[in-house]
Amino acid sequence: MQRERAVNIGLIVLALGGLVLGAILADIVKVLIAVVIGYSVLRLGLAMLRNLARPLPEPPDPGTLRKVKIEYRCSICGAEVRMTVAPDEDPEPPRHCQDEMELVTPIE
């Protein structure tokens, strides 16, 4: 009878010890997950701030062409021209019918 009682007490102690150990391990896992998420958010935030702090690139050399999207229309004959590359961002309008063409789309 005493041996049976000792075995039961031992099993209860082991079960309680397992529950306590399981709770501690669960808390450790939760803390580790929180640390990983916090580190990821910190890295993402710092990367975003670094991108905002990066200076603008220098403009290209005067001889190189730049991408533009400008449309012109001849006021005399109605011919339209779309300019896709130009030596600068605000190019002079092309000439057609011996007159400068009118700007149709605004320069962005």
PDB file of N, CA and C in Angstrom:
ATOM      1  N   MET A   1       0.814  -1.187   0.000  1.00  0.00           N
ATOM      2  CA  MET A   1       0.000   0.000   0.000  1.00  0.00           C
ATOM      3  C   MET A   1       0.866   1.262   0.000  1.00  0.00           C
ATOM      4  N   GLN A   2       1.907   1.298   0.821  1.00  0.00           N
ATOM      5  CA  GLN A   2       2.776   2.465   0.861  1.00  0.00           C
ATOM      6  C   GLN A   2       3.549   2.612  -0.450  1.00  0.00           C
ATOM      7  N   ARG A   3       3.913   1.478  -1.003  1.00  0.00           N
ATOM      8  CA  ARG A   3       4.649   1.543  -2.273  1.00  0.00           C
ATOM      9  C   ARG A   3       3.754   2.093  -3.378  1.00  0.00           C
ATOM     10  N   GLU A   4       2.518   1.681  -3.381  1.00  0.00           N
ATOM     11  CA  GLU A   4       1.563   2.174  -4.366  1.00  0.00           C
ATOM     12  C   GLU A   4       1.340   3.689  -4.179  1.00  0.00           C
ATOM     13  N   ARG A   5       1.270   4.081  -2.924  1.00  0.00           N
ATOM     14  CA  ARG A   5       1.094   5.511  -2.622  1.00  0.00           C
ATOM     15  C   ARG A   5       2.329   6.308  -3.064  1.00  0.00           C
ATOM     16  N   ALA A   6       3.509   5.774  -2.837  1.00  0.00           N
ATOM     17  CA  ALA A   6       4.744   6.451  -3.237  1.00  0.00           C
ATOM     18  C   ALA A   6       4.821   6.573  -4.761  1.00  0.00           C
ATOM     19  N   VAL A   7       4.373   5.539  -5.452  1.00  0.00           N
ATOM     20  CA  VAL A   7       4.371   5.592  -6.924  1.00  0.00           C
ATOM     21  C   VAL A   7       3.396   6.656  -7.402  1.00  0.00           C
ATOM     22  N   ASN A   8       2.224   6.712  -6.772  1.00  0.00           N
ATOM     23  CA  ASN A   8       1.239   7.737  -7.158  1.00  0.00           C
ATOM     24  C   ASN A   8       1.770   9.152  -6.899  1.00  0.00           C
ATOM     25  N   ILE A   9       2.408   9.355  -5.764  1.00  0.00           N
ATOM     26  CA  ILE A   9       2.986  10.672  -5.454  1.00  0.00           C
ATOM     27  C   ILE A   9       4.088  10.998  -6.458  1.00  0.00           C
ATOM     28  N   GLY A  10       4.898   9.999  -6.779  1.00  0.00           N
ATOM     29  CA  GLY A  10       5.958  10.216  -7.781  1.00  0.00           C
ATOM     30  C   GLY A  10       5.385  10.597  -9.137  1.00  0.00           C
ATOM     31  N   LEU A  11       4.314   9.925  -9.546  1.00  0.00           N
ATOM     32  CA  LEU A  11       3.673  10.262 -10.822  1.00  0.00           C
ATOM     33  C   LEU A  11       3.078  11.678 -10.801  1.00  0.00           C
ATOM     34  N   ILE A  12       2.478  12.040  -9.663  1.00  0.00           N
ATOM     35  CA  ILE A  12       1.920  13.403  -9.540  1.00  0.00           C
ATOM     36  C   ILE A  12       3.034  14.437  -9.605  1.00  0.00           C
ATOM     37  N   VAL A  13       4.137  14.190  -8.925  1.00  0.00           N
ATOM     38  CA  VAL A  13       5.284  15.116  -8.956  1.00  0.00           C
ATOM     39  C   VAL A  13       5.835  15.223 -10.381  1.00  0.00           C
ATOM     40  N   LEU A  14       5.961  14.100 -11.082  1.00  0.00           N
ATOM     41  CA  LEU A  14       6.447  14.127 -12.462  1.00  0.00           C
ATOM     42  C   LEU A  14       5.483  14.893 -13.373  1.00  0.00           C
ATOM     43  N   ALA A  15       4.189  14.682 -13.178  1.00  0.00           N
ATOM     44  CA  ALA A  15       3.200  15.386 -14.002  1.00  0.00           C
ATOM     45  C   ALA A  15       3.256  16.875 -13.749  1.00  0.00           C
ATOM     46  N   LEU A  16       3.325  17.280 -12.485  1.00  0.00           N
ATOM     47  CA  LEU A  16       3.422  18.713 -12.170  1.00  0.00           C
ATOM     48  C   LEU A  16       4.725  19.306 -12.691  1.00  0.00           C
ATOM     49  N   GLY A  17       5.794  18.536 -12.544  1.00  0.00           N
ATOM     50  CA  GLY A  17       7.086  18.999 -13.077  1.00  0.00           C
ATOM     51  C   GLY A  17       7.032  19.157 -14.588  1.00  0.00           C
ATOM     52  N   GLY A  18       6.371  18.236 -15.268  1.00  0.00           N
ATOM     53  CA  GLY A  18       6.222  18.324 -16.722  1.00  0.00           C
ATOM     54  C   GLY A  18       5.391  19.531 -17.124  1.00  0.00           C
ATOM     55  N   LEU A  19       4.327  19.793 -16.363  1.00  0.00           N
ATOM     56  CA  LEU A  19       3.494  20.975 -16.659  1.00  0.00           C
ATOM     57  C   LEU A  19       4.279  22.274 -16.464  1.00  0.00           C
ATOM     58  N   VAL A  20       5.022  22.341 -15.367  1.00  0.00           N
ATOM     59  CA  VAL A  20       5.826  23.544 -15.107  1.00  0.00           C
ATOM     60  C   VAL A  20       6.892  23.708 -16.181  1.00  0.00           C
ATOM     61  N   LEU A  21       7.566  22.616 -16.506  1.00  0.00           N
ATOM     62  CA  LEU A  21       8.594  22.676 -17.550  1.00  0.00           C
ATOM     63  C   LEU A  21       7.979  23.041 -18.898  1.00  0.00           C
ATOM     64  N   GLY A  22       6.810  22.477 -19.206  1.00  0.00           N
ATOM     65  CA  GLY A  22       6.121  22.820 -20.457  1.00  0.00           C
ATOM     66  C   GLY A  22       5.718  24.284 -20.503  1.00  0.00           C
ATOM     67  N   ALA A  23       5.247  24.824 -19.378  1.00  0.00           N
ATOM     68  CA  ALA A  23       4.868  26.239 -19.323  1.00  0.00           C
ATOM     69  C   ALA A  23       6.093  27.125 -19.506  1.00  0.00           C
ATOM     70  N   ILE A  24       7.202  26.736 -18.876  1.00  0.00           N
ATOM     71  CA  ILE A  24       8.438  27.523 -19.017  1.00  0.00           C
ATOM     72  C   ILE A  24       8.924  27.479 -20.458  1.00  0.00           C
ATOM     73  N   LEU A  25       8.909  26.290 -21.078  1.00  0.00           N
ATOM     74  CA  LEU A  25       9.343  26.173 -22.468  1.00  0.00           C
ATOM     75  C   LEU A  25       8.425  26.955 -23.403  1.00  0.00           C
ATOM     76  N   ALA A  26       7.114  26.939 -23.124  1.00  0.00           N
ATOM     77  CA  ALA A  26       6.170  27.688 -23.948  1.00  0.00           C
ATOM     78  C   ALA A  26       6.458  29.181 -23.836  1.00  0.00           C
ATOM     79  N   ASP A  27       6.757  29.645 -22.616  1.00  0.00           N
ATOM     80  CA  ASP A  27       7.091  31.060 -22.431  1.00  0.00           C
ATOM     81  C   ASP A  27       8.386  31.419 -23.150  1.00  0.00           C
ATOM     82  N   ILE A  28       9.363  30.523 -23.089  1.00  0.00           N
ATOM     83  CA  ILE A  28      10.639  30.769 -23.775  1.00  0.00           C
ATOM     84  C   ILE A  28      10.411  30.856 -25.281  1.00  0.00           C
ATOM     85  N   VAL A  29       9.585  29.965 -25.813  1.00  0.00           N
ATOM     86  CA  VAL A  29       9.292  29.985 -27.252  1.00  0.00           C
ATOM     87  C   VAL A  29       8.581  31.288 -27.621  1.00  0.00           C
ATOM     88  N   LYS A  30       7.637  31.713 -26.788  1.00  0.00           N
ATOM     89  CA  LYS A  30       6.933  32.974 -27.054  1.00  0.00           C
ATOM     90  C   LYS A  30       7.896  34.159 -27.036  1.00  0.00           C
ATOM     91  N   VAL A  31       8.797  34.170 -26.091  1.00  0.00           N
ATOM     92  CA  VAL A  31       9.784  35.257 -26.005  1.00  0.00           C
ATOM     93  C   VAL A  31      10.696  35.236 -27.226  1.00  0.00           C
ATOM     94  N   LEU A  32      11.136  34.054 -27.642  1.00  0.00           N
ATOM     95  CA  LEU A  32      11.998  33.966 -28.818  1.00  0.00           C
ATOM     96  C   LEU A  32      11.270  34.444 -30.073  1.00  0.00           C
ATOM     97  N   ILE A  33      10.001  34.074 -30.215  1.00  0.00           N
ATOM     98  CA  ILE A  33       9.224  34.537 -31.372  1.00  0.00           C
ATOM     99  C   ILE A  33       9.086  36.062 -31.338  1.00  0.00           C
ATOM    100  N   ALA A  34       8.832  36.630 -30.146  1.00  0.00           N
ATOM    101  CA  ALA A  34       8.707  38.084 -30.020  1.00  0.00           C
ATOM    102  C   ALA A  34      10.021  38.784 -30.357  1.00  0.00           C
ATOM    103  N   VAL A  35      11.142  38.206 -29.938  1.00  0.00           N
ATOM    104  CA  VAL A  35      12.449  38.799 -30.246  1.00  0.00           C
ATOM    105  C   VAL A  35      12.713  38.767 -31.743  1.00  0.00           C
ATOM    106  N   VAL A  36      12.390  37.663 -32.409  1.00  0.00           N
ATOM    107  CA  VAL A  36      12.599  37.558 -33.860  1.00  0.00           C
ATOM    108  C   VAL A  36      11.718  38.568 -34.604  1.00  0.00           C
ATOM    109  N   ILE A  37      10.457  38.699 -34.207  1.00  0.00           N
ATOM    110  CA  ILE A  37       9.565  39.661 -34.860  1.00  0.00           C
ATOM    111  C   ILE A  37      10.050  41.087 -34.616  1.00  0.00           C
ATOM    112  N   GLY A  38      10.467  41.395 -33.381  1.00  0.00           N
ATOM    113  CA  GLY A  38      10.978  42.734 -33.076  1.00  0.00           C
ATOM    114  C   GLY A  38      12.224  43.058 -33.886  1.00  0.00           C
ATOM    115  N   TYR A  39      13.129  42.100 -33.999  1.00  0.00           N
ATOM    116  CA  TYR A  39      14.345  42.313 -34.791  1.00  0.00           C
ATOM    117  C   TYR A  39      14.005  42.544 -36.258  1.00  0.00           C
ATOM    118  N   SER A  40      13.042  41.788 -36.787  1.00  0.00           N
ATOM    119  CA  SER A  40      12.644  41.954 -38.191  1.00  0.00           C
ATOM    120  C   SER A  40      12.033  43.331 -38.431  1.00  0.00           C
ATOM    121  N   VAL A  41      11.175  43.782 -37.523  1.00  0.00           N
ATOM    122  CA  VAL A  41      10.563  45.108 -37.668  1.00  0.00           C
ATOM    123  C   VAL A  41      11.630  46.198 -37.587  1.00  0.00           C
ATOM    124  N   LEU A  42      12.591  46.043 -36.678  1.00  0.00           N
ATOM    125  CA  LEU A  42      13.675  47.013 -36.555  1.00  0.00           C
ATOM    126  C   LEU A  42      14.496  47.077 -37.832  1.00  0.00           C
ATOM    127  N   ARG A  43      14.856  45.916 -38.391  1.00  0.00           N
ATOM    128  CA  ARG A  43      15.657  45.898 -39.631  1.00  0.00           C
ATOM    129  C   ARG A  43      14.892  46.543 -40.791  1.00  0.00           C
ATOM    130  N   LEU A  44      13.594  46.234 -40.886  1.00  0.00           N
ATOM    131  CA  LEU A  44      12.774  46.802 -41.950  1.00  0.00           C
ATOM    132  C   LEU A  44      12.684  48.319 -41.806  1.00  0.00           C
ATOM    133  N   GLY A  45      12.475  48.801 -40.595  1.00  0.00           N
ATOM    134  CA  GLY A  45      12.391  50.245 -40.360  1.00  0.00           C
ATOM    135  C   GLY A  45      13.695  50.944 -40.683  1.00  0.00           C
ATOM    136  N   LEU A  46      14.808  50.379 -40.275  1.00  0.00           N
ATOM    137  CA  LEU A  46      16.104  50.991 -40.580  1.00  0.00           C
ATOM    138  C   LEU A  46      16.380  50.990 -42.076  1.00  0.00           C
ATOM    139  N   ALA A  47      15.991  49.930 -42.770  1.00  0.00           N
ATOM    140  CA  ALA A  47      16.192  49.883 -44.223  1.00  0.00           C
ATOM    141  C   ALA A  47      15.364  50.967 -44.906  1.00  0.00           C
ATOM    142  N   MET A  48      14.136  51.178 -44.438  1.00  0.00           N
ATOM    143  CA  MET A  48      13.295  52.226 -45.025  1.00  0.00           C
ATOM    144  C   MET A  48      13.892  53.612 -44.767  1.00  0.00           C
ATOM    145  N   LEU A  49      14.395  53.840 -43.566  1.00  0.00           N
ATOM    146  CA  LEU A  49      15.019  55.136 -43.263  1.00  0.00           C
ATOM    147  C   LEU A  49      16.281  55.343 -44.097  1.00  0.00           C
ATOM    148  N   ARG A  50      17.062  54.272 -44.301  1.00  0.00           N
ATOM    149  CA  ARG A  50      18.257  54.400 -45.145  1.00  0.00           C
ATOM    150  C   ARG A  50      17.884  54.785 -46.573  1.00  0.00           C
ATOM    151  N   ASN A  51      16.797  54.206 -47.096  1.00  0.00           N
ATOM    152  CA  ASN A  51      16.369  54.547 -48.450  1.00  0.00           C
ATOM    153  C   ASN A  51      15.916  56.000 -48.546  1.00  0.00           C
ATOM    154  N   LEU A  52      15.295  56.515 -47.494  1.00  0.00           N
ATOM    155  CA  LEU A  52      14.874  57.915 -47.504  1.00  0.00           C
ATOM    156  C   LEU A  52      16.063  58.860 -47.403  1.00  0.00           C
ATOM    157  N   ALA A  53      17.123  58.433 -46.741  1.00  0.00           N
ATOM    158  CA  ALA A  53      18.285  59.296 -46.538  1.00  0.00           C
ATOM    159  C   ALA A  53      19.251  59.272 -47.714  1.00  0.00           C
ATOM    160  N   ARG A  54      19.046  58.380 -48.675  1.00  0.00           N
ATOM    161  CA  ARG A  54      19.949  58.283 -49.818  1.00  0.00           C
ATOM    162  C   ARG A  54      19.811  59.533 -50.697  1.00  0.00           C
ATOM    163  N   PRO A  55      20.907  60.173 -51.079  1.00  0.00           N
ATOM    164  CA  PRO A  55      20.800  61.376 -51.906  1.00  0.00           C
ATOM    165  C   PRO A  55      20.317  61.043 -53.322  1.00  0.00           C
ATOM    166  N   LEU A  56      19.744  62.053 -53.970  1.00  0.00           N
ATOM    167  CA  LEU A  56      19.283  61.877 -55.350  1.00  0.00           C
ATOM    168  C   LEU A  56      20.479  61.671 -56.272  1.00  0.00           C
ATOM    169  N   PRO A  57      20.322  60.860 -57.302  1.00  0.00           N
ATOM    170  CA  PRO A  57      21.439  60.664 -58.228  1.00  0.00           C
ATOM    171  C   PRO A  57      21.714  61.945 -59.014  1.00  0.00           C
ATOM    172  N   GLU A  58      22.952  62.102 -59.418  1.00  0.00           N
ATOM    173  CA  GLU A  58      23.325  63.276 -60.200  1.00  0.00           C
ATOM    174  C   GLU A  58      22.684  63.199 -61.580  1.00  0.00           C
ATOM    175  N   PRO A  59      22.349  64.364 -62.160  1.00  0.00           N
ATOM    176  CA  PRO A  59      21.759  64.338 -63.497  1.00  0.00           C
ATOM    177  C   PRO A  59      22.781  63.825 -64.519  1.00  0.00           C
ATOM    178  N   PRO A  60      22.302  63.231 -65.601  1.00  0.00           N
ATOM    179  CA  PRO A  60      23.243  62.716 -66.605  1.00  0.00           C
ATOM    180  C   PRO A  60      24.012  63.846 -67.284  1.00  0.00           C
ATOM    181  N   ASP A  61      25.079  63.486 -67.934  1.00  0.00           N
ATOM    182  CA  ASP A  61      25.909  64.464 -68.635  1.00  0.00           C
ATOM    183  C   ASP A  61      25.102  65.172 -69.714  1.00  0.00           C
ATOM    184  N   PRO A  62      25.516  66.384 -70.095  1.00  0.00           N
ATOM    185  CA  PRO A  62      24.745  67.168 -71.061  1.00  0.00           C
ATOM    186  C   PRO A  62      24.520  66.489 -72.407  1.00  0.00           C
ATOM    187  N   GLY A  63      25.347  65.590 -72.850  1.00  0.00           N
ATOM    188  CA  GLY A  63      25.175  64.987 -74.168  1.00  0.00           C
ATOM    189  C   GLY A  63      24.263  63.769 -74.194  1.00  0.00           C
ATOM    190  N   THR A  64      23.927  63.200 -73.062  1.00  0.00           N
ATOM    191  CA  THR A  64      23.136  61.977 -73.045  1.00  0.00           C
ATOM    192  C   THR A  64      21.641  62.273 -73.149  1.00  0.00           C
ATOM    193  N   LEU A  65      20.916  61.314 -73.700  1.00  0.00           N
ATOM    194  CA  LEU A  65      19.475  61.492 -73.882  1.00  0.00           C
ATOM    195  C   LEU A  65      18.723  61.046 -72.639  1.00  0.00           C
ATOM    196  N   ARG A  66      17.611  61.739 -72.366  1.00  0.00           N
ATOM    197  CA  ARG A  66      16.752  61.421 -71.229  1.00  0.00           C
ATOM    198  C   ARG A  66      15.399  60.958 -71.734  1.00  0.00           C
ATOM    199  N   LYS A  67      14.738  60.093 -70.957  1.00  0.00           N
ATOM    200  CA  LYS A  67      13.399  59.648 -71.337  1.00  0.00           C
ATOM    201  C   LYS A  67      12.391  60.742 -70.998  1.00  0.00           C
ATOM    202  N   VAL A  68      11.569  61.082 -71.980  1.00  0.00           N
ATOM    203  CA  VAL A  68      10.474  62.036 -71.787  1.00  0.00           C
ATOM    204  C   VAL A  68       9.236  61.468 -72.452  1.00  0.00           C
ATOM    205  N   LYS A  69       8.082  62.025 -72.116  1.00  0.00           N
ATOM    206  CA  LYS A  69       6.840  61.608 -72.765  1.00  0.00           C
ATOM    207  C   LYS A  69       6.044  62.882 -73.018  1.00  0.00           C
ATOM    208  N   ILE A  70       6.316  63.521 -74.152  1.00  0.00           N
ATOM    209  CA  ILE A  70       5.702  64.800 -74.491  1.00  0.00           C
ATOM    210  C   ILE A  70       5.075  64.684 -75.872  1.00  0.00           C
ATOM    211  N   GLU A  71       3.887  65.250 -76.018  1.00  0.00           N
ATOM    212  CA  GLU A  71       3.217  65.242 -77.318  1.00  0.00           C
ATOM    213  C   GLU A  71       3.041  66.680 -77.792  1.00  0.00           C
ATOM    214  N   TYR A  72       3.284  66.880 -79.088  1.00  0.00           N
ATOM    215  CA  TYR A  72       3.132  68.191 -79.723  1.00  0.00           C
ATOM    216  C   TYR A  72       2.149  68.070 -80.879  1.00  0.00           C
ATOM    217  N   ARG A  73       1.484  69.187 -81.202  1.00  0.00           N
ATOM    218  CA  ARG A  73       0.557  69.223 -82.335  1.00  0.00           C
ATOM    219  C   ARG A  73       0.842  70.484 -83.156  1.00  0.00           C
ATOM    220  N   CYS A  74       0.828  70.303 -84.478  1.00  0.00           N
ATOM    221  CA  CYS A  74       1.011  71.434 -85.387  1.00  0.00           C
ATOM    222  C   CYS A  74      -0.322  72.179 -85.490  1.00  0.00           C
ATOM    223  N   SER A  75      -0.306  73.473 -85.227  1.00  0.00           N
ATOM    224  CA  SER A  75      -1.548  74.256 -85.258  1.00  0.00           C
ATOM    225  C   SER A  75      -2.020  74.519 -86.687  1.00  0.00           C
ATOM    226  N   ILE A  76      -1.148  74.335 -87.666  1.00  0.00           N
ATOM    227  CA  ILE A  76      -1.530  74.618 -89.058  1.00  0.00           C
ATOM    228  C   ILE A  76      -2.151  73.386 -89.710  1.00  0.00           C
ATOM    229  N   CYS A  77      -1.457  72.242 -89.677  1.00  0.00           N
ATOM    230  CA  CYS A  77      -1.964  71.061 -90.383  1.00  0.00           C
ATOM    231  C   CYS A  77      -2.518  69.988 -89.454  1.00  0.00           C
ATOM    232  N   GLY A  78      -2.311  70.076 -88.151  1.00  0.00           N
ATOM    233  CA  GLY A  78      -2.855  69.113 -87.207  1.00  0.00           C
ATOM    234  C   GLY A  78      -1.989  67.881 -86.985  1.00  0.00           C
ATOM    235  N   ALA A  79      -0.796  67.837 -87.565  1.00  0.00           N
ATOM    236  CA  ALA A  79       0.085  66.688 -87.360  1.00  0.00           C
ATOM    237  C   ALA A  79       0.517  66.635 -85.891  1.00  0.00           C
ATOM    238  N   GLU A  80       0.600  65.401 -85.361  1.00  0.00           N
ATOM    239  CA  GLU A  80       1.006  65.221 -83.964  1.00  0.00           C
ATOM    240  C   GLU A  80       2.308  64.439 -83.878  1.00  0.00           C
ATOM    241  N   VAL A  81       3.127  64.781 -82.886  1.00  0.00           N
ATOM    242  CA  VAL A  81       4.421  64.134 -82.677  1.00  0.00           C
ATOM    243  C   VAL A  81       4.531  63.774 -81.203  1.00  0.00           C
ATOM    244  N   ARG A  82       4.961  62.540 -80.916  1.00  0.00           N
ATOM    245  CA  ARG A  82       5.242  62.147 -79.531  1.00  0.00           C
ATOM    246  C   ARG A  82       6.752  62.046 -79.386  1.00  0.00           C
ATOM    247  N   MET A  83       7.307  62.792 -78.437  1.00  0.00           N
ATOM    248  CA  MET A  83       8.743  62.776 -78.176  1.00  0.00           C
ATOM    249  C   MET A  83       8.993  61.837 -77.000  1.00  0.00           C
ATOM    250  N   THR A  84       9.870  60.851 -77.193  1.00  0.00           N
ATOM    251  CA  THR A  84      10.144  59.887 -76.128  1.00  0.00           C
ATOM    252  C   THR A  84      11.531  60.052 -75.523  1.00  0.00           C
ATOM    253  N   VAL A  85      12.490  60.582 -76.247  1.00  0.00           N
ATOM    254  CA  VAL A  85      13.812  60.882 -75.699  1.00  0.00           C
ATOM    255  C   VAL A  85      14.210  62.275 -76.144  1.00  0.00           C
ATOM    256  N   ALA A  86      14.950  62.961 -75.284  1.00  0.00           N
ATOM    257  CA  ALA A  86      15.389  64.322 -75.585  1.00  0.00           C
ATOM    258  C   ALA A  86      16.697  64.582 -74.849  1.00  0.00           C
ATOM    259  N   PRO A  87      17.480  65.569 -75.318  1.00  0.00           N
ATOM    260  CA  PRO A  87      18.746  65.857 -74.649  1.00  0.00           C
ATOM    261  C   PRO A  87      18.568  66.476 -73.259  1.00  0.00           C
ATOM    262  N   ASP A  88      17.412  67.080 -72.966  1.00  0.00           N
ATOM    263  CA  ASP A  88      17.144  67.597 -71.630  1.00  0.00           C
ATOM    264  C   ASP A  88      15.673  67.359 -71.297  1.00  0.00           C
ATOM    265  N   GLU A  89      15.290  67.657 -70.063  1.00  0.00           N
ATOM    266  CA  GLU A  89      13.926  67.345 -69.626  1.00  0.00           C
ATOM    267  C   GLU A  89      12.895  68.332 -70.165  1.00  0.00           C
ATOM    268  N   ASP A  90      13.320  69.504 -70.558  1.00  0.00           N
ATOM    269  CA  ASP A  90      12.410  70.504 -71.111  1.00  0.00           C
ATOM    270  C   ASP A  90      12.908  70.892 -72.506  1.00  0.00           C
ATOM    271  N   PRO A  91      12.671  70.012 -73.513  1.00  0.00           N
ATOM    272  CA  PRO A  91      13.213  70.284 -74.848  1.00  0.00           C
ATOM    273  C   PRO A  91      12.427  71.381 -75.570  1.00  0.00           C
ATOM    274  N   GLU A  92      13.072  71.983 -76.546  1.00  0.00           N
ATOM    275  CA  GLU A  92      12.384  72.970 -77.387  1.00  0.00           C
ATOM    276  C   GLU A  92      11.379  72.242 -78.271  1.00  0.00           C
ATOM    277  N   PRO A  93      10.236  72.871 -78.567  1.00  0.00           N
ATOM    278  CA  PRO A  93       9.252  72.203 -79.428  1.00  0.00           C
ATOM    279  C   PRO A  93       9.782  72.055 -80.854  1.00  0.00           C
ATOM    280  N   PRO A  94       9.442  70.958 -81.514  1.00  0.00           N
ATOM    281  CA  PRO A  94       9.881  70.779 -82.900  1.00  0.00           C
ATOM    282  C   PRO A  94       9.147  71.754 -83.823  1.00  0.00           C
ATOM    283  N   ARG A  95       9.692  71.936 -85.020  1.00  0.00           N
ATOM    284  CA  ARG A  95       9.078  72.840 -85.997  1.00  0.00           C
ATOM    285  C   ARG A  95       8.393  72.003 -87.075  1.00  0.00           C
ATOM    286  N   HIS A  96       7.221  72.473 -87.500  1.00  0.00           N
ATOM    287  CA  HIS A  96       6.472  71.806 -88.562  1.00  0.00           C
ATOM    288  C   HIS A  96       5.703  72.882 -89.296  1.00  0.00           C
ATOM    289  N   CYS A  97       5.650  72.823 -90.590  1.00  0.00           N
ATOM    290  CA  CYS A  97       4.991  73.837 -91.419  1.00  0.00           C
ATOM    291  C   CYS A  97       5.579  75.225 -91.150  1.00  0.00           C
ATOM    292  N   GLN A  98       6.883  75.268 -90.955  1.00  0.00           N
ATOM    293  CA  GLN A  98       7.618  76.513 -90.732  1.00  0.00           C
ATOM    294  C   GLN A  98       7.199  77.226 -89.444  1.00  0.00           C
ATOM    295  N   ASP A  99       6.608  76.506 -88.489  1.00  0.00           N
ATOM    296  CA  ASP A  99       6.190  77.118 -87.235  1.00  0.00           C
ATOM    297  C   ASP A  99       6.418  76.105 -86.106  1.00  0.00           C
ATOM    298  N   GLU A 100       6.592  76.610 -84.869  1.00  0.00           N
ATOM    299  CA  GLU A 100       6.771  75.702 -83.741  1.00  0.00           C
ATOM    300  C   GLU A 100       5.460  75.008 -83.416  1.00  0.00           C
ATOM    301  N   MET A 101       5.575  73.741 -83.030  1.00  0.00           N
ATOM    302  CA  MET A 101       4.384  72.967 -82.677  1.00  0.00           C
ATOM    303  C   MET A 101       3.933  73.339 -81.263  1.00  0.00           C
ATOM    304  N   GLU A 102       2.634  73.124 -80.974  1.00  0.00           N
ATOM    305  CA  GLU A 102       2.068  73.445 -79.668  1.00  0.00           C
ATOM    306  C   GLU A 102       2.153  72.215 -78.757  1.00  0.00           C
ATOM    307  N   LEU A 103       2.419  72.465 -77.496  1.00  0.00           N
ATOM    308  CA  LEU A 103       2.491  71.404 -76.507  1.00  0.00           C
ATOM    309  C   LEU A 103       1.088  70.904 -76.185  1.00  0.00           C
ATOM    310  N   VAL A 104       0.877  69.567 -76.288  1.00  0.00           N
ATOM    311  CA  VAL A 104      -0.435  68.978 -76.009  1.00  0.00           C
ATOM    312  C   VAL A 104      -0.471  68.429 -74.597  1.00  0.00           C
ATOM    313  N   THR A 105       0.569  67.671 -74.192  1.00  0.00           N
ATOM    314  CA  THR A 105       0.615  67.099 -72.845  1.00  0.00           C
ATOM    315  C   THR A 105       1.537  67.950 -71.977  1.00  0.00           C
ATOM    316  N   PRO A 106       1.182  68.137 -70.720  1.00  0.00           N
ATOM    317  CA  PRO A 106       2.058  68.917 -69.843  1.00  0.00           C
ATOM    318  C   PRO A 106       3.321  68.135 -69.523  1.00  0.00           C
ATOM    319  N   ILE A 107       4.383  68.846 -69.277  1.00  0.00           N
ATOM    320  CA  ILE A 107       5.666  68.225 -68.909  1.00  0.00           C
ATOM    321  C   ILE A 107       5.562  67.810 -67.459  1.00  0.00           C
ATOM    322  N   GLU A 108       5.860  66.531 -67.147  1.00  0.00           N
ATOM    323  CA  GLU A 108       5.753  66.017 -65.774  1.00  0.00           C
ATOM    324  C   GLU A 108       7.090  66.056 -65.101  1.00  0.00           C
TER     325      GLU A 108
END
